[in-house]
PDB file of N, CA and C in Angstrom:
ATOM      1  N   MET A   1       0.596  -1.607  -0.032  1.00  0.00           N
ATOM      2  CA  MET A   1      -0.032  -0.346  -0.302  1.00  0.00           C
ATOM      3  C   MET A   1       0.898   1.413   0.113  1.00  0.00           C
ATOM      4  N   GLU A   2       0.340   2.043  -0.594  1.00  0.00           N
ATOM      5  CA  GLU A   2       1.025   3.402  -0.909  1.00  0.00           C
ATOM      6  C   GLU A   2       1.406   4.051   0.709  1.00  0.00           C
ATOM      7  N   ARG A   3       2.326   5.006   0.929  1.00  0.00           N
ATOM      8  CA  ARG A   3       1.897   5.572   1.879  1.00  0.00           C
ATOM      9  C   ARG A   3       0.957   7.245   1.437  1.00  0.00           C
ATOM     10  N   PRO A   4       0.489   6.994   2.568  1.00  0.00           N
ATOM     11  CA  PRO A   4      -0.230   8.722   3.025  1.00  0.00           C
ATOM     12  C   PRO A   4       0.227   9.905   2.200  1.00  0.00           C
ATOM     13  N   ILE A   5      -0.048  10.824   1.543  1.00  0.00           N
ATOM     14  CA  ILE A   5       0.815  12.620   1.954  1.00  0.00           C
ATOM     15  C   ILE A   5       0.743  13.039   2.949  1.00  0.00           C
ATOM     16  N   ARG A   6       2.025  13.028   3.595  1.00  0.00           N
ATOM     17  CA  ARG A   6       2.042  13.351   4.850  1.00  0.00           C
ATOM     18  C   ARG A   6       2.387  15.166   5.184  1.00  0.00           C
ATOM     19  N   ALA A   7       2.689  15.787   4.074  1.00  0.00           N
ATOM     20  CA  ALA A   7       3.138  16.514   4.283  1.00  0.00           C
ATOM     21  C   ALA A   7       1.690  18.130   4.251  1.00  0.00           C
ATOM     22  N   LEU A   8       0.593  17.333   4.880  1.00  0.00           N
ATOM     23  CA  LEU A   8      -0.355  17.999   4.552  1.00  0.00           C
ATOM     24  C   LEU A   8      -0.661  17.736   6.240  1.00  0.00           C
ATOM     25  N   ALA A   9       0.124  16.889   6.891  1.00  0.00           N
ATOM     26  CA  ALA A   9      -0.395  16.691   7.950  1.00  0.00           C
ATOM     27  C   ALA A   9      -1.090  18.263   8.565  1.00  0.00           C
ATOM     28  N   VAL A  10      -0.273  19.026   8.840  1.00  0.00           N
ATOM     29  CA  VAL A  10      -0.882  20.218   9.561  1.00  0.00           C
ATOM     30  C   VAL A  10      -2.208  20.656   9.090  1.00  0.00           C
ATOM     31  N   VAL A  11      -2.187  20.708   8.451  1.00  0.00           N
ATOM     32  CA  VAL A  11      -3.678  21.313   7.652  1.00  0.00           C
ATOM     33  C   VAL A  11      -4.713  20.179   7.978  1.00  0.00           C
ATOM     34  N   ALA A  12      -4.292  18.252   7.743  1.00  0.00           N
ATOM     35  CA  ALA A  12      -5.094  17.947   8.253  1.00  0.00           C
ATOM     36  C   ALA A  12      -5.737  18.005   9.679  1.00  0.00           C
ATOM     37  N   ALA A  13      -4.933  18.121  10.686  1.00  0.00           N
ATOM     38  CA  ALA A  13      -5.010  18.060  12.055  1.00  0.00           C
ATOM     39  C   ALA A  13      -5.711  19.484  12.376  1.00  0.00           C
ATOM     40  N   LEU A  14      -5.872  20.664  11.383  1.00  0.00           N
ATOM     41  CA  LEU A  14      -6.966  22.028  11.523  1.00  0.00           C
ATOM     42  C   LEU A  14      -8.142  21.528  11.613  1.00  0.00           C
ATOM     43  N   PHE A  15      -8.538  20.659  10.062  1.00  0.00           N
ATOM     44  CA  PHE A  15      -9.579  20.281   9.810  1.00  0.00           C
ATOM     45  C   PHE A  15     -10.041  18.953  11.039  1.00  0.00           C
ATOM     46  N   VAL A  16      -9.207  18.058  11.230  1.00  0.00           N
ATOM     47  CA  VAL A  16      -9.558  17.216  12.725  1.00  0.00           C
ATOM     48  C   VAL A  16     -10.548  18.020  13.805  1.00  0.00           C
ATOM     49  N   SER A  17      -9.828  19.066  14.162  1.00  0.00           N
ATOM     50  CA  SER A  17      -9.815  19.896  14.833  1.00  0.00           C
ATOM     51  C   SER A  17     -11.699  20.179  14.661  1.00  0.00           C
ATOM     52  N   ALA A  18     -11.773  20.904  13.473  1.00  0.00           N
ATOM     53  CA  ALA A  18     -12.878  21.780  13.079  1.00  0.00           C
ATOM     54  C   ALA A  18     -14.192  20.720  12.902  1.00  0.00           C
ATOM     55  N   VAL A  19     -14.009  19.426  12.923  1.00  0.00           N
ATOM     56  CA  VAL A  19     -15.137  18.744  12.177  1.00  0.00           C
ATOM     57  C   VAL A  19     -14.585  17.848  13.524  1.00  0.00           C
ATOM     58  N   GLY A  20     -13.932  17.580  14.473  1.00  0.00           N
ATOM     59  CA  GLY A  20     -13.949  16.889  15.649  1.00  0.00           C
ATOM     60  C   GLY A  20     -14.209  15.499  15.451  1.00  0.00           C
ATOM     61  N   GLY A  21     -14.128  14.406  15.820  1.00  0.00           N
ATOM     62  CA  GLY A  21     -15.024  12.681  15.981  1.00  0.00           C
ATOM     63  C   GLY A  21     -13.557  12.211  16.349  1.00  0.00           C
ATOM     64  N   ALA A  22     -13.536  10.942  16.078  1.00  0.00           N
ATOM     65  CA  ALA A  22     -12.400  10.356  17.295  1.00  0.00           C
ATOM     66  C   ALA A  22     -12.086   9.054  15.767  1.00  0.00           C
ATOM     67  N   CYS A  23     -11.204   8.501  16.380  1.00  0.00           N
ATOM     68  CA  CYS A  23     -10.236   8.025  14.751  1.00  0.00           C
ATOM     69  C   CYS A  23     -10.144   6.344  15.438  1.00  0.00           C
ATOM     70  N   ASP A  24     -10.007   5.556  14.781  1.00  0.00           N
ATOM     71  CA  ASP A  24      -9.089   4.136  15.025  1.00  0.00           C
ATOM     72  C   ASP A  24      -7.522   4.536  15.089  1.00  0.00           C
ATOM     73  N   HIS A  25      -7.056   3.979  16.034  1.00  0.00           N
ATOM     74  CA  HIS A  25      -5.387   3.828  16.706  1.00  0.00           C
ATOM     75  C   HIS A  25      -4.870   2.440  15.990  1.00  0.00           C
ATOM     76  N   SER A  26      -4.973   2.193  14.981  1.00  0.00           N
ATOM     77  CA  SER A  26      -4.358   1.341  14.482  1.00  0.00           C
ATOM     78  C   SER A  26      -2.976   0.775  13.830  1.00  0.00           C
ATOM     79  N   THR A  27      -2.905   1.062  12.502  1.00  0.00           N
ATOM     80  CA  THR A  27      -1.389   0.778  12.291  1.00  0.00           C
ATOM     81  C   THR A  27      -1.268   1.805  11.241  1.00  0.00           C
ATOM     82  N   PRO A  28      -0.291   2.965  10.550  1.00  0.00           N
ATOM     83  CA  PRO A  28      -0.198   3.815   9.959  1.00  0.00           C
ATOM     84  C   PRO A  28      -1.280   2.856   8.499  1.00  0.00           C
ATOM     85  N   GLU A  29      -0.421   1.867   7.974  1.00  0.00           N
ATOM     86  CA  GLU A  29      -0.983   0.787   6.810  1.00  0.00           C
ATOM     87  C   GLU A  29      -2.359   0.994   6.771  1.00  0.00           C
ATOM     88  N   THR A  30      -3.119   0.786   8.270  1.00  0.00           N
ATOM     89  CA  THR A  30      -4.532   0.474   7.919  1.00  0.00           C
ATOM     90  C   THR A  30      -5.401   2.084   8.756  1.00  0.00           C
ATOM     91  N   ALA A  31      -4.410   2.920   8.638  1.00  0.00           N
ATOM     92  CA  ALA A  31      -4.770   4.669   8.949  1.00  0.00           C
ATOM     93  C   ALA A  31      -6.130   4.740   7.934  1.00  0.00           C
ATOM     94  N   PRO A  32      -6.930   5.641   8.340  1.00  0.00           N
ATOM     95  CA  PRO A  32      -8.803   5.731   8.121  1.00  0.00           C
ATOM     96  C   PRO A  32      -8.252   7.238   7.107  1.00  0.00           C
ATOM     97  N   LEU A  33      -8.631   7.242   6.189  1.00  0.00           N
ATOM     98  CA  LEU A  33      -7.994   8.118   4.996  1.00  0.00           C
ATOM     99  C   LEU A  33      -9.452   9.296   5.053  1.00  0.00           C
ATOM    100  N   ILE A  34      -9.095  10.112   4.394  1.00  0.00           N
ATOM    101  CA  ILE A  34     -10.064  10.850   3.848  1.00  0.00           C
ATOM    102  C   ILE A  34      -9.495  11.616   2.398  1.00  0.00           C
ATOM    103  N   GLU A  35     -10.851  11.251   1.634  1.00  0.00           N
ATOM    104  CA  GLU A  35     -10.607  11.659   0.224  1.00  0.00           C
ATOM    105  C   GLU A  35     -10.980  12.789  -0.116  1.00  0.00           C
ATOM    106  N   GLN A  36      -9.823  13.216  -0.999  1.00  0.00           N
ATOM    107  CA  GLN A  36      -9.825  14.561  -1.001  1.00  0.00           C
ATOM    108  C   GLN A  36     -10.420  14.532  -2.456  1.00  0.00           C
ATOM    109  N   PRO A  37     -11.334  15.881  -2.928  1.00  0.00           N
ATOM    110  CA  PRO A  37     -12.221  16.307  -4.005  1.00  0.00           C
ATOM    111  C   PRO A  37     -10.804  15.768  -5.551  1.00  0.00           C
ATOM    112  N   SER A  38      -9.707  15.405  -5.581  1.00  0.00           N
ATOM    113  CA  SER A  38      -8.939  15.432  -6.030  1.00  0.00           C
ATOM    114  C   SER A  38      -8.528  13.981  -6.104  1.00  0.00           C
ATOM    115  N   GLY A  39      -8.863  13.213  -5.465  1.00  0.00           N
ATOM    116  CA  GLY A  39      -8.660  12.028  -5.743  1.00  0.00           C
ATOM    117  C   GLY A  39      -7.300  11.294  -4.652  1.00  0.00           C
ATOM    118  N   THR A  40      -6.214  12.312  -4.519  1.00  0.00           N
ATOM    119  CA  THR A  40      -5.431  12.005  -3.555  1.00  0.00           C
ATOM    120  C   THR A  40      -6.228  12.419  -2.065  1.00  0.00           C
ATOM    121  N   CYS A  41      -5.087  11.359  -1.291  1.00  0.00           N
ATOM    122  CA  CYS A  41      -5.904  10.625   0.330  1.00  0.00           C
ATOM    123  C   CYS A  41      -4.628  11.782   1.203  1.00  0.00           C
ATOM    124  N   ILE A  42      -5.147  11.793   2.683  1.00  0.00           N
ATOM    125  CA  ILE A  42      -4.199  12.238   3.605  1.00  0.00           C
ATOM    126  C   ILE A  42      -4.488  11.880   4.741  1.00  0.00           C
ATOM    127  N   SER A  43      -3.028  11.597   5.392  1.00  0.00           N
ATOM    128  CA  SER A  43      -3.775  10.936   6.659  1.00  0.00           C
ATOM    129  C   SER A  43      -4.360  11.628   7.723  1.00  0.00           C
ATOM    130  N   LEU A  44      -5.136  11.677   8.899  1.00  0.00           N
ATOM    131  CA  LEU A  44      -5.416  12.295   9.971  1.00  0.00           C
ATOM    132  C   LEU A  44      -3.851  13.098  10.797  1.00  0.00           C
ATOM    133  N   GLY A  45      -3.628  13.983  10.873  1.00  0.00           N
ATOM    134  CA  GLY A  45      -2.473  14.684  11.238  1.00  0.00           C
ATOM    135  C   GLY A  45      -2.680  15.125  12.510  1.00  0.00           C
ATOM    136  N   PRO A  46      -1.622  15.093  13.471  1.00  0.00           N
ATOM    137  CA  PRO A  46      -1.814  14.898  15.337  1.00  0.00           C
ATOM    138  C   PRO A  46      -2.716  16.420  15.532  1.00  0.00           C
ATOM    139  N   THR A  47      -3.205  16.347  16.349  1.00  0.00           N
ATOM    140  CA  THR A  47      -4.019  17.751  16.787  1.00  0.00           C
ATOM    141  C   THR A  47      -3.555  18.575  18.228  1.00  0.00           C
ATOM    142  N   VAL A  48      -2.832  19.379  18.134  1.00  0.00           N
ATOM    143  CA  VAL A  48      -2.918  20.125  19.624  1.00  0.00           C
ATOM    144  C   VAL A  48      -3.536  20.855  19.913  1.00  0.00           C
ATOM    145  N   SER A  49      -3.717  21.411  21.512  1.00  0.00           N
ATOM    146  CA  SER A  49      -4.961  21.600  21.430  1.00  0.00           C
ATOM    147  C   SER A  49      -4.326  22.384  23.145  1.00  0.00           C
ATOM    148  N   PRO A  50      -4.438  23.803  23.356  1.00  0.00           N
ATOM    149  CA  PRO A  50      -5.526  24.730  22.149  1.00  0.00           C
ATOM    150  C   PRO A  50      -4.545  24.979  21.428  1.00  0.00           C
ATOM    151  N   ASN A  51      -4.995  25.222  20.196  1.00  0.00           N
ATOM    152  CA  ASN A  51      -4.488  25.875  18.731  1.00  0.00           C
ATOM    153  C   ASN A  51      -3.745  27.528  18.505  1.00  0.00           C
ATOM    154  N   PHE A  52      -3.967  27.840  19.611  1.00  0.00           N
ATOM    155  CA  PHE A  52      -3.515  29.740  19.844  1.00  0.00           C
ATOM    156  C   PHE A  52      -3.680  29.896  21.608  1.00  0.00           C
ATOM    157  N   ALA A  53      -2.976  30.240  22.037  1.00  0.00           N
ATOM    158  CA  ALA A  53      -2.877  30.563  22.890  1.00  0.00           C
ATOM    159  C   ALA A  53      -1.964  32.107  23.376  1.00  0.00           C
ATOM    160  N   THR A  54      -2.887  33.353  24.091  1.00  0.00           N
ATOM    161  CA  THR A  54      -2.235  34.624  24.596  1.00  0.00           C
ATOM    162  C   THR A  54      -1.440  34.302  25.583  1.00  0.00           C
ATOM    163  N   LEU A  55      -0.413  34.512  26.140  1.00  0.00           N
ATOM    164  CA  LEU A  55       0.278  34.713  27.574  1.00  0.00           C
ATOM    165  C   LEU A  55       1.240  36.203  27.753  1.00  0.00           C
ATOM    166  N   SER A  56       1.415  35.837  29.025  1.00  0.00           N
ATOM    167  CA  SER A  56       2.449  36.810  29.218  1.00  0.00           C
ATOM    168  C   SER A  56       3.932  36.717  29.618  1.00  0.00           C
ATOM    169  N   PRO A  57       4.921  37.842  29.766  1.00  0.00           N
ATOM    170  CA  PRO A  57       6.288  36.805  30.350  1.00  0.00           C
ATOM    171  C   PRO A  57       5.738  36.458  31.419  1.00  0.00           C
ATOM    172  N   GLY A  58       6.804  34.685  31.366  1.00  0.00           N
ATOM    173  CA  GLY A  58       6.769  34.421  32.428  1.00  0.00           C
ATOM    174  C   GLY A  58       5.237  33.505  32.655  1.00  0.00           C
ATOM    175  N   ASP A  59       4.195  33.723  31.506  1.00  0.00           N
ATOM    176  CA  ASP A  59       3.219  32.653  31.642  1.00  0.00           C
ATOM    177  C   ASP A  59       3.567  31.534  31.083  1.00  0.00           C
ATOM    178  N   THR A  60       2.999  29.738  31.911  1.00  0.00           N
ATOM    179  CA  THR A  60       3.096  28.411  31.245  1.00  0.00           C
ATOM    180  C   THR A  60       2.102  27.853  30.958  1.00  0.00           C
ATOM    181  N   LEU A  61       2.011  26.705  29.735  1.00  0.00           N
ATOM    182  CA  LEU A  61       1.039  26.418  29.689  1.00  0.00           C
ATOM    183  C   LEU A  61       1.485  24.937  28.998  1.00  0.00           C
ATOM    184  N   ARG A  62       0.877  24.274  29.457  1.00  0.00           N
ATOM    185  CA  ARG A  62       1.201  22.899  28.626  1.00  0.00           C
ATOM    186  C   ARG A  62       0.268  22.085  27.948  1.00  0.00           C
ATOM    187  N   PRO A  63       0.285  22.259  26.287  1.00  0.00           N
ATOM    188  CA  PRO A  63      -0.918  21.825  25.349  1.00  0.00           C
ATOM    189  C   PRO A  63      -0.785  21.002  25.513  1.00  0.00           C
ATOM    190  N   THR A  64      -1.788  19.897  24.524  1.00  0.00           N
ATOM    191  CA  THR A  64      -1.740  18.694  24.836  1.00  0.00           C
ATOM    192  C   THR A  64      -1.735  18.385  23.356  1.00  0.00           C
ATOM    193  N   VAL A  65      -1.641  16.788  22.864  1.00  0.00           N
ATOM    194  CA  VAL A  65      -1.921  16.487  21.310  1.00  0.00           C
ATOM    195  C   VAL A  65      -1.670  15.563  21.275  1.00  0.00           C
ATOM    196  N   ALA A  66      -3.227  15.507  20.635  1.00  0.00           N
ATOM    197  CA  ALA A  66      -3.610  13.870  20.242  1.00  0.00           C
ATOM    198  C   ALA A  66      -2.827  12.982  18.990  1.00  0.00           C
ATOM    199  N   ALA A  67      -2.723  12.057  19.120  1.00  0.00           N
ATOM    200  CA  ALA A  67      -1.801  10.892  18.162  1.00  0.00           C
ATOM    201  C   ALA A  67      -2.903  10.986  16.304  1.00  0.00           C
ATOM    202  N   PRO A  68      -2.487  11.191  15.819  1.00  0.00           N
ATOM    203  CA  PRO A  68      -2.962  11.012  13.994  1.00  0.00           C
ATOM    204  C   PRO A  68      -3.582   9.244  14.244  1.00  0.00           C
ATOM    205  N   CYS A  69      -4.191   9.410  13.892  1.00  0.00           N
ATOM    206  CA  CYS A  69      -5.199   8.191  12.866  1.00  0.00           C
ATOM    207  C   CYS A  69      -4.101   7.005  12.434  1.00  0.00           C
ATOM    208  N   GLY A  70      -3.790   5.890  13.326  1.00  0.00           N
ATOM    209  CA  GLY A  70      -2.652   4.827  12.568  1.00  0.00           C
ATOM    210  C   GLY A  70      -1.633   4.838  13.343  1.00  0.00           C
ATOM    211  N   PHE A  71      -1.518   5.661  14.400  1.00  0.00           N
ATOM    212  CA  PHE A  71      -0.364   5.426  15.649  1.00  0.00           C
ATOM    213  C   PHE A  71      -1.638   5.298  16.918  1.00  0.00           C
ATOM    214  N   PRO A  72      -0.189   4.634  17.890  1.00  0.00           N
ATOM    215  CA  PRO A  72      -1.071   4.405  19.206  1.00  0.00           C
ATOM    216  C   PRO A  72      -1.289   5.778  19.747  1.00  0.00           C
ATOM    217  N   ALA A  73      -2.410   5.788  20.708  1.00  0.00           N
ATOM    218  CA  ALA A  73      -3.141   7.009  21.501  1.00  0.00           C
ATOM    219  C   ALA A  73      -1.804   7.815  22.175  1.00  0.00           C
ATOM    220  N   THR A  74      -0.852   6.607  22.887  1.00  0.00           N
ATOM    221  CA  THR A  74       0.342   7.132  23.668  1.00  0.00           C
ATOM    222  C   THR A  74       1.822   7.321  22.808  1.00  0.00           C
ATOM    223  N   ALA A  75       1.608   7.160  21.356  1.00  0.00           N
ATOM    224  CA  ALA A  75       2.463   7.760  20.651  1.00  0.00           C
ATOM    225  C   ALA A  75       3.122   9.049  21.306  1.00  0.00           C
ATOM    226  N   PRO A  76       4.801   8.659  21.035  1.00  0.00           N
ATOM    227  CA  PRO A  76       5.717   9.585  21.853  1.00  0.00           C
ATOM    228  C   PRO A  76       5.293  11.159  20.657  1.00  0.00           C
ATOM    229  N   PHE A  77       5.831  12.642  21.326  1.00  0.00           N
ATOM    230  CA  PHE A  77       6.346  13.347  20.863  1.00  0.00           C
ATOM    231  C   PHE A  77       7.432  14.333  20.933  1.00  0.00           C
ATOM    232  N   ARG A  78       7.648  15.021  20.193  1.00  0.00           N
ATOM    233  CA  ARG A  78       9.654  15.991  20.788  1.00  0.00           C
ATOM    234  C   ARG A  78       8.501  17.151  20.487  1.00  0.00           C
ATOM    235  N   TRP A  79       8.829  18.064  21.327  1.00  0.00           N
ATOM    236  CA  TRP A  79       7.696  19.976  20.859  1.00  0.00           C
ATOM    237  C   TRP A  79       9.174  20.380  20.830  1.00  0.00           C
ATOM    238  N   SER A  80       9.302  21.568  19.978  1.00  0.00           N
ATOM    239  CA  SER A  80       9.716  22.662  19.396  1.00  0.00           C
ATOM    240  C   SER A  80       9.176  23.667  19.233  1.00  0.00           C
ATOM    241  N   THR A  81       9.749  25.089  19.171  1.00  0.00           N
ATOM    242  CA  THR A  81       9.602  25.951  18.701  1.00  0.00           C
ATOM    243  C   THR A  81      10.407  26.698  17.737  1.00  0.00           C
ATOM    244  N   SER A  82       9.365  28.093  17.100  1.00  0.00           N
ATOM    245  CA  SER A  82      10.055  28.835  15.866  1.00  0.00           C
ATOM    246  C   SER A  82      11.068  29.881  16.664  1.00  0.00           C
ATOM    247  N   ASP A  83      10.689  30.493  17.862  1.00  0.00           N
ATOM    248  CA  ASP A  83      11.602  31.373  18.128  1.00  0.00           C
ATOM    249  C   ASP A  83      11.317  30.976  20.180  1.00  0.00           C
ATOM    250  N   SER A  84      12.657  30.678  20.692  1.00  0.00           N
ATOM    251  CA  SER A  84      12.391  30.312  21.692  1.00  0.00           C
ATOM    252  C   SER A  84      13.125  32.044  22.757  1.00  0.00           C
ATOM    253  N   LYS A  85      13.593  32.700  22.368  1.00  0.00           N
ATOM    254  CA  LYS A  85      13.283  34.008  22.401  1.00  0.00           C
ATOM    255  C   LYS A  85      11.843  34.692  23.034  1.00  0.00           C
ATOM    256  N   ILE A  86      11.057  34.477  22.309  1.00  0.00           N
ATOM    257  CA  ILE A  86       9.785  34.362  22.432  1.00  0.00           C
ATOM    258  C   ILE A  86       8.509  34.005  23.634  1.00  0.00           C
ATOM    259  N   ALA A  87       8.832  31.880  23.125  1.00  0.00           N
ATOM    260  CA  ALA A  87       8.612  31.361  24.114  1.00  0.00           C
ATOM    261  C   ALA A  87       9.314  30.308  24.141  1.00  0.00           C
ATOM    262  N   SER A  88      10.096  29.718  25.107  1.00  0.00           N
ATOM    263  CA  SER A  88      10.297  28.034  24.797  1.00  0.00           C
ATOM    264  C   SER A  88       9.687  27.255  25.539  1.00  0.00           C
ATOM    265  N   VAL A  89      10.128  25.919  24.927  1.00  0.00           N
ATOM    266  CA  VAL A  89       9.572  24.283  25.299  1.00  0.00           C
ATOM    267  C   VAL A  89      10.070  23.539  25.213  1.00  0.00           C
ATOM    268  N   ASP A  90       9.716  22.964  26.609  1.00  0.00           N
ATOM    269  CA  ASP A  90      10.595  21.551  26.894  1.00  0.00           C
ATOM    270  C   ASP A  90      10.078  20.908  25.672  1.00  0.00           C
ATOM    271  N   SER A  91      11.154  20.338  25.129  1.00  0.00           N
ATOM    272  CA  SER A  91      11.185  18.963  23.785  1.00  0.00           C
ATOM    273  C   SER A  91      10.440  17.731  24.250  1.00  0.00           C
ATOM    274  N   VAL A  92      10.217  17.251  26.019  1.00  0.00           N
ATOM    275  CA  VAL A  92       9.662  16.362  25.922  1.00  0.00           C
ATOM    276  C   VAL A  92       8.493  16.051  26.627  1.00  0.00           C
ATOM    277  N   THR A  93       8.247  16.979  27.709  1.00  0.00           N
ATOM    278  CA  THR A  93       6.802  17.531  28.071  1.00  0.00           C
ATOM    279  C   THR A  93       6.067  18.407  27.535  1.00  0.00           C
ATOM    280  N   GLY A  94       6.385  19.253  27.206  1.00  0.00           N
ATOM    281  CA  GLY A  94       6.078  20.398  25.894  1.00  0.00           C
ATOM    282  C   GLY A  94       5.908  21.315  26.197  1.00  0.00           C
ATOM    283  N   LEU A  95       6.156  21.720  28.326  1.00  0.00           N
ATOM    284  CA  LEU A  95       5.277  22.800  28.684  1.00  0.00           C
ATOM    285  C   LEU A  95       6.256  24.104  27.871  1.00  0.00           C
ATOM    286  N   VAL A  96       5.167  25.031  27.826  1.00  0.00           N
ATOM    287  CA  VAL A  96       5.407  26.549  26.935  1.00  0.00           C
ATOM    288  C   VAL A  96       5.547  27.613  28.005  1.00  0.00           C
ATOM    289  N   THR A  97       6.403  28.423  28.036  1.00  0.00           N
ATOM    290  CA  THR A  97       7.189  29.507  29.004  1.00  0.00           C
ATOM    291  C   THR A  97       7.008  30.661  28.165  1.00  0.00           C
ATOM    292  N   ALA A  98       6.360  31.073  28.229  1.00  0.00           N
ATOM    293  CA  ALA A  98       6.360  32.550  26.973  1.00  0.00           C
ATOM    294  C   ALA A  98       7.648  33.425  28.129  1.00  0.00           C
ATOM    295  N   GLN A  99       8.471  34.067  27.195  1.00  0.00           N
ATOM    296  CA  GLN A  99       9.526  35.310  27.208  1.00  0.00           C
ATOM    297  C   GLN A  99       9.633  36.122  27.253  1.00  0.00           C
ATOM    298  N   ALA A 100       8.946  37.043  26.383  1.00  0.00           N
ATOM    299  CA  ALA A 100       9.223  37.973  25.462  1.00  0.00           C
ATOM    300  C   ALA A 100       7.990  38.021  24.641  1.00  0.00           C
ATOM    301  N   GLN A 101       7.644  39.802  24.308  1.00  0.00           N
ATOM    302  CA  GLN A 101       6.561  39.788  23.531  1.00  0.00           C
ATOM    303  C   GLN A 101       6.761  39.239  21.905  1.00  0.00           C
ATOM    304  N   GLY A 102       5.861  38.792  21.600  1.00  0.00           N
ATOM    305  CA  GLY A 102       5.647  38.700  20.568  1.00  0.00           C
ATOM    306  C   GLY A 102       4.882  37.471  19.525  1.00  0.00           C
ATOM    307  N   SER A 103       5.560  36.572  18.745  1.00  0.00           N
ATOM    308  CA  SER A 103       4.401  35.341  18.189  1.00  0.00           C
ATOM    309  C   SER A 103       5.691  33.811  18.232  1.00  0.00           C
ATOM    310  N   ALA A 104       5.528  32.840  18.653  1.00  0.00           N
ATOM    311  CA  ALA A 104       6.118  32.101  18.364  1.00  0.00           C
ATOM    312  C   ALA A 104       5.019  30.791  17.950  1.00  0.00           C
ATOM    313  N   THR A 105       5.290  30.060  16.688  1.00  0.00           N
ATOM    314  CA  THR A 105       5.161  28.696  16.289  1.00  0.00           C
ATOM    315  C   THR A 105       5.640  27.271  17.610  1.00  0.00           C
ATOM    316  N   ILE A 106       4.431  26.661  17.874  1.00  0.00           N
ATOM    317  CA  ILE A 106       4.634  25.496  19.137  1.00  0.00           C
ATOM    318  C   ILE A 106       4.590  24.459  18.045  1.00  0.00           C
ATOM    319  N   VAL A 107       5.416  23.470  17.996  1.00  0.00           N
ATOM    320  CA  VAL A 107       5.484  22.031  17.121  1.00  0.00           C
ATOM    321  C   VAL A 107       5.818  21.217  18.213  1.00  0.00           C
ATOM    322  N   ALA A 108       4.282  19.764  17.629  1.00  0.00           N
ATOM    323  CA  ALA A 108       5.062  18.687  18.028  1.00  0.00           C
ATOM    324  C   ALA A 108       5.058  17.682  16.915  1.00  0.00           C
ATOM    325  N   ALA A 109       5.861  16.812  17.015  1.00  0.00           N
ATOM    326  CA  ALA A 109       6.681  16.136  15.728  1.00  0.00           C
ATOM    327  C   ALA A 109       6.251  14.892  16.496  1.00  0.00           C
ATOM    328  N   LEU A 110       5.793  14.081  15.222  1.00  0.00           N
ATOM    329  CA  LEU A 110       5.701  12.188  16.251  1.00  0.00           C
ATOM    330  C   LEU A 110       6.736  11.798  15.919  1.00  0.00           C
ATOM    331  N   VAL A 111       7.397  10.871  17.260  1.00  0.00           N
ATOM    332  CA  VAL A 111       8.594  10.750  17.468  1.00  0.00           C
ATOM    333  C   VAL A 111       9.007   9.245  16.145  1.00  0.00           C
ATOM    334  N   ALA A 112       8.010   8.612  16.096  1.00  0.00           N
ATOM    335  CA  ALA A 112       7.909   7.460  14.931  1.00  0.00           C
ATOM    336  C   ALA A 112       8.226   8.211  13.184  1.00  0.00           C
ATOM    337  N   ASP A 113       7.935   9.648  13.301  1.00  0.00           N
ATOM    338  CA  ASP A 113       7.596  10.216  11.775  1.00  0.00           C
ATOM    339  C   ASP A 113       7.624  11.933  12.206  1.00  0.00           C
ATOM    340  N   ARG A 114       9.073  11.821  12.335  1.00  0.00           N
ATOM    341  CA  ARG A 114       9.430  14.348  12.525  1.00  0.00           C
ATOM    342  C   ARG A 114       8.898  14.332  11.525  1.00  0.00           C
ATOM    343  N   THR A 115       8.074  13.985  10.121  1.00  0.00           N
ATOM    344  CA  THR A 115       7.570  14.702   9.353  1.00  0.00           C
ATOM    345  C   THR A 115       6.094  15.187   9.952  1.00  0.00           C
ATOM    346  N   ILE A 116       5.800  14.067  10.126  1.00  0.00           N
ATOM    347  CA  ILE A 116       4.089  14.354  10.867  1.00  0.00           C
ATOM    348  C   ILE A 116       4.116  14.947  12.005  1.00  0.00           C
ATOM    349  N   LYS A 117       3.396  16.041  11.986  1.00  0.00           N
ATOM    350  CA  LYS A 117       3.736  17.387  13.159  1.00  0.00           C
ATOM    351  C   LYS A 117       2.160  18.431  13.026  1.00  0.00           C
ATOM    352  N   GLY A 118       2.098  18.468  14.235  1.00  0.00           N
ATOM    353  CA  GLY A 118       0.687  19.292  14.751  1.00  0.00           C
ATOM    354  C   GLY A 118       1.356  20.579  15.247  1.00  0.00           C
ATOM    355  N   ALA A 119       0.561  22.122  15.000  1.00  0.00           N
ATOM    356  CA  ALA A 119       1.090  23.563  15.659  1.00  0.00           C
ATOM    357  C   ALA A 119      -0.141  23.749  16.409  1.00  0.00           C
ATOM    358  N   MET A 120       0.489  24.447  16.786  1.00  0.00           N
ATOM    359  CA  MET A 120      -0.332  25.624  17.671  1.00  0.00           C
ATOM    360  C   MET A 120       0.523  27.240  17.690  1.00  0.00           C
ATOM    361  N   LEU A 121      -0.552  28.353  18.204  1.00  0.00           N
ATOM    362  CA  LEU A 121       0.159  29.928  17.975  1.00  0.00           C
ATOM    363  C   LEU A 121       0.099  30.080  19.512  1.00  0.00           C
ATOM    364  N   VAL A 122       1.643  30.484  19.515  1.00  0.00           N
ATOM    365  CA  VAL A 122       1.471  31.376  20.820  1.00  0.00           C
ATOM    366  C   VAL A 122       1.734  32.846  20.470  1.00  0.00           C
ATOM    367  N   GLN A 123       1.270  33.494  21.258  1.00  0.00           N
ATOM    368  CA  GLN A 123       1.325  35.321  21.719  1.00  0.00           C
ATOM    369  C   GLN A 123       1.881  35.644  22.599  1.00  0.00           C
ATOM    370  N   VAL A 124       2.592  36.539  22.585  1.00  0.00           N
ATOM    371  CA  VAL A 124       3.227  37.157  24.153  1.00  0.00           C
ATOM    372  C   VAL A 124       2.944  38.340  24.081  1.00  0.00           C
ATOM    373  N   LYS A 125       2.314  38.715  25.346  1.00  0.00           N
ATOM    374  CA  LYS A 125       1.877  40.567  24.873  1.00  0.00           C
ATOM    375  C   LYS A 125       2.334  40.926  26.513  1.00  0.00           C
ATOM    376  N   PRO A 126       2.552  41.574  26.852  1.00  0.00           N
ATOM    377  CA  PRO A 126       3.246  42.712  27.647  1.00  0.00           C
ATOM    378  C   PRO A 126       1.964  42.978  28.650  1.00  0.00           C
TER     379      PRO A 126
END
């Protein structure tokens, strides 16, 4: 079986959070797929919650991430930030700490396949 396109995992995660619903956490080869109008299929990506947060410097937040369909619900993720001067994140626990005014994207990447990612936006205001 051909592997689903994974480059659109973040878009799929936004779709999943918009429509909700549960999925079967079986194996990647048997993952439920979304049929796109063009005929291409994509696997449902991970969902980070919340997908947006406004914090003040010093505030902390521990977002959660739901594994995509086809992976165990307990699948491990590694966290990263687009700008640690704005918002830092513990790579294992996902604890976000607001540092300074600005915006940063916090990303959760599936350890089994680092191309499968979910993201949230953190805005830090004074």
